Amino acid sequence: MPRYEPLNHEELDLAYTIAKHSLLNDHELHKQVHEMSAVYTRSEQSLYLLTIRMFYVLHGKMPCGIASCDWYKASRPVAQYLLFRGLSISDEYKEHMAKEKPVVSNEDARKLMSEYYKENKTWLPDTIKNKRELVIDCIEHGTSPAEAFKKAITSV
């Protein structure tokens, strides 16, 4: 069980609003985060870090004035959010994702997905069958089957 609540779409939308501009620098980032933090449900620092991760996934680089580091390792939920919304992610981030090793094997992920589906198919929408690969990918990267199905149901 995580020590924190998963990010919700409103929080990710807010970070996207700030990070979508590729010419953003550290000073401007701080300014926009400060202005928007009043509507954010977590701390201002949390929004700042989320926005940096969002920026990296979108543009494949850090904002001007921020040292480069392995932000991509903490950015899979951000990338999934962007892909669910039909938005593109940077080629640099795609390369990092391709190198990332799954937490759960594909075979085990398929078994977990199948078990969850069998137990819950009475309430799952029929269209969930079209999101099979998305569910498997989420489970492979450490998401619980319940959360993976929830993400698939709410994705566009």
Foldseek 3Di string as FASTA:
>chain_A
DDPDDDDDPVLLVLLCVLQVDLQAAPVNLLVSLVVPVVVDPDDSVVSSLSSQLLNCFAPVAGHHPDDDDPSLVVNPVSCLSCVLAVHHTDPNSVVVVVPDFFPDDLVVLLVQLVVVCVVPVVPQDPCLVVCVVQLSVCVRRPDHSVVSSVSSVPGD
